Protein backbone atom coordinates (compact mmCIF):
# COMPACT_ATOMS: atom_id res chain seq x y z
CA MET A 1 0.42 28.58 7.26
CA LEU A 2 -1.51 25.32 7.20
CA ASP A 3 -2.63 25.98 10.77
CA ARG A 4 -4.20 29.26 9.72
CA LEU A 5 -5.99 27.70 6.76
CA ALA A 6 -7.39 24.86 8.82
CA GLY A 7 -8.56 27.09 11.63
CA GLY A 8 -5.62 26.24 13.89
CA THR A 9 -6.00 22.49 13.53
CA PRO A 10 -3.55 20.69 11.22
CA PRO A 11 -5.05 18.08 8.89
CA SER A 12 -5.18 14.52 10.06
CA ARG A 13 -2.17 12.41 9.11
CA ARG A 14 -4.58 9.84 7.68
CA LEU A 15 -6.26 12.45 5.49
CA VAL A 16 -2.90 13.60 4.14
CA ALA A 17 -1.82 9.97 3.69
CA THR A 18 -5.01 9.13 1.81
CA THR A 19 -4.60 12.13 -0.47
CA VAL A 20 -0.95 11.34 -1.20
CA ALA A 21 -1.70 7.65 -1.79
CA LEU A 22 -4.59 8.50 -4.12
CA VAL A 23 -2.57 10.99 -6.16
CA LEU A 24 0.37 8.57 -6.38
CA LEU A 25 -1.82 5.64 -7.36
CA LEU A 26 -3.66 7.58 -10.05
CA GLY A 27 -0.41 9.08 -11.34
CA LEU A 28 1.43 5.77 -11.51
CA SER A 29 -1.54 3.95 -13.03
CA GLY A 30 -1.99 6.74 -15.56
CA ALA A 31 1.68 6.61 -16.49
CA LEU A 32 1.49 2.82 -16.93
CA PHE A 33 -1.58 3.25 -19.13
CA LEU A 34 0.14 5.88 -21.28
CA VAL A 35 3.13 3.64 -21.93
CA ARG A 36 0.79 0.67 -22.42
CA HIS A 37 2.37 -1.36 -19.63
CA SER A 38 -0.94 -1.64 -17.82
CA LEU A 39 -2.11 -3.78 -20.73
CA LEU A 40 0.59 -6.39 -20.07
CA ALA A 41 -1.46 -8.88 -18.15
CA LEU A 42 -0.82 -12.44 -17.11
CA THR A 43 -3.79 -14.53 -18.14
CA THR A 44 -5.00 -17.02 -15.58
CA ALA A 45 -8.07 -19.24 -15.37
CA LEU A 46 -9.55 -16.83 -12.82
CA GLY A 47 -8.91 -13.67 -14.83
CA PRO A 48 -6.06 -11.39 -15.86
CA ILE A 49 -3.42 -10.08 -13.45
CA THR A 50 -1.43 -6.92 -14.18
CA PRO A 51 1.76 -7.12 -12.10
CA LEU A 52 2.91 -3.56 -12.76
CA GLU A 53 -0.43 -2.23 -11.51
CA LEU A 54 0.12 -4.23 -8.32
CA VAL A 55 3.57 -2.66 -7.94
CA ALA A 56 2.06 0.81 -8.45
CA THR A 57 -0.53 0.00 -5.78
CA MET A 58 2.15 -1.13 -3.37
CA VAL A 59 4.30 1.97 -3.88
CA ALA A 60 1.35 4.33 -3.37
CA MET A 61 -0.02 2.55 -0.30
CA ALA A 62 3.41 2.15 1.31
CA ALA A 63 3.86 5.92 1.01
CA GLY A 64 0.43 6.43 2.53
CA GLY A 65 1.20 4.05 5.40
CA ALA A 66 4.49 5.80 6.11
CA ILE A 67 2.79 9.20 6.22
CA ALA A 68 -0.14 8.02 8.36
CA ARG A 69 2.14 6.07 10.75
CA GLY A 70 -0.80 3.92 11.78
CA GLY A 71 -4.41 3.09 11.06
CA PHE A 72 -4.03 3.29 7.29
CA ARG A 73 -4.29 -0.36 6.27
CA TRP A 74 -8.07 -0.56 5.92
CA ILE A 75 -8.20 2.89 4.34
CA ALA A 76 -5.71 1.65 1.72
CA VAL A 77 -7.81 -1.43 0.98
CA ALA A 78 -11.02 0.61 0.73
CA LEU A 79 -9.33 3.14 -1.54
CA VAL A 80 -7.99 0.50 -3.91
CA LEU A 81 -11.27 -1.42 -4.04
CA ALA A 82 -13.27 1.76 -4.68
CA ILE A 83 -10.98 2.76 -7.53
CA GLY A 84 -11.00 -0.76 -8.97
CA LEU A 85 -14.78 -1.04 -8.89
CA ALA A 86 -15.18 2.44 -10.37
CA SER A 87 -12.75 1.54 -13.17
CA ALA A 88 -14.58 -1.70 -13.94
CA ALA A 89 -17.95 0.08 -13.95
CA THR A 90 -16.60 2.78 -16.26
CA ALA A 91 -15.11 0.26 -18.67
CA TYR A 92 -18.40 -1.65 -18.66
CA ALA A 93 -20.43 1.49 -19.32
CA LEU A 94 -18.16 2.73 -22.13
CA ALA A 95 -17.91 -0.58 -23.98
CA GLU A 96 -19.60 -0.55 -27.38
CA GLN A 97 -20.92 -4.05 -26.93
CA SER A 98 -21.21 -4.52 -23.20
CA PRO A 99 -20.45 -8.05 -22.07
CA PRO A 100 -22.61 -9.45 -19.28
CA LEU A 101 -21.88 -7.79 -15.93
CA ALA A 102 -21.10 -11.16 -14.35
CA TRP A 103 -18.32 -11.65 -16.93
CA VAL A 104 -16.85 -8.24 -16.13
CA MET A 105 -16.88 -8.89 -12.38
CA ARG A 106 -15.43 -12.39 -12.81
CA ASN A 107 -12.57 -10.99 -14.89
CA THR A 108 -11.79 -8.21 -12.43
CA ALA A 109 -12.34 -10.10 -9.16
CA LEU A 110 -8.86 -11.65 -9.01
CA GLN A 111 -7.10 -8.34 -9.75
CA LEU A 112 -9.28 -6.57 -7.15
CA ALA A 113 -8.51 -9.20 -4.53
CA LEU A 114 -4.78 -9.08 -5.24
CA SER A 115 -4.84 -5.27 -5.25
CA GLY A 116 -6.58 -5.24 -1.88
CA LEU A 117 -4.04 -7.66 -0.44
CA ALA A 118 -1.13 -5.68 -1.92
CA ALA A 119 -2.57 -2.43 -0.53
CA TRP A 120 -2.93 -3.89 2.96
CA ALA A 121 0.57 -5.39 2.98
CA ALA A 122 2.22 -2.24 1.59
CA ALA A 123 0.39 0.05 4.02
CA PHE A 124 1.48 -2.23 6.87
CA ALA A 125 5.07 -2.10 5.64
CA GLY A 126 4.92 1.70 5.34
CA GLU A 127 3.59 1.98 8.89
CA ARG A 128 6.37 -0.28 10.19
CA VAL A 129 9.08 1.74 8.39
CA ALA A 130 7.68 4.95 9.87
CA ALA A 131 7.59 3.38 13.35
CA ARG A 132 11.26 2.33 13.08
CA ARG A 133 12.31 5.79 12.02
CA ARG A 134 10.59 7.35 15.04
CA THR A 135 12.49 5.19 17.54
């Protein structure tokens, strides 16, 4: 049926992987927000770190890497960074008394960097698991 909808060409594995990873990441992050676990942050000198958000990122990007089977690592990093920057910009715009933008970026830079690293590593692991299963 998918072949007929797509004009005979099935969707790219990377497109499906990106969609699944995005839905999983947003779902897991939303669930963490609803139960207030996303607010449990470790405070460091460089900014807060939310470990459960990193775990959610890893789960979503590992699933994406396993589905894509290859070439998903940089897509995962770009996806996580885009979502992180969009979230920071939204929080900045909705704040009643907006702190300076440099403060916002300084406080999100560490989490963004760790999220990007976690996304890359998890996508790599997902690709490796998928490669082992094929052989």
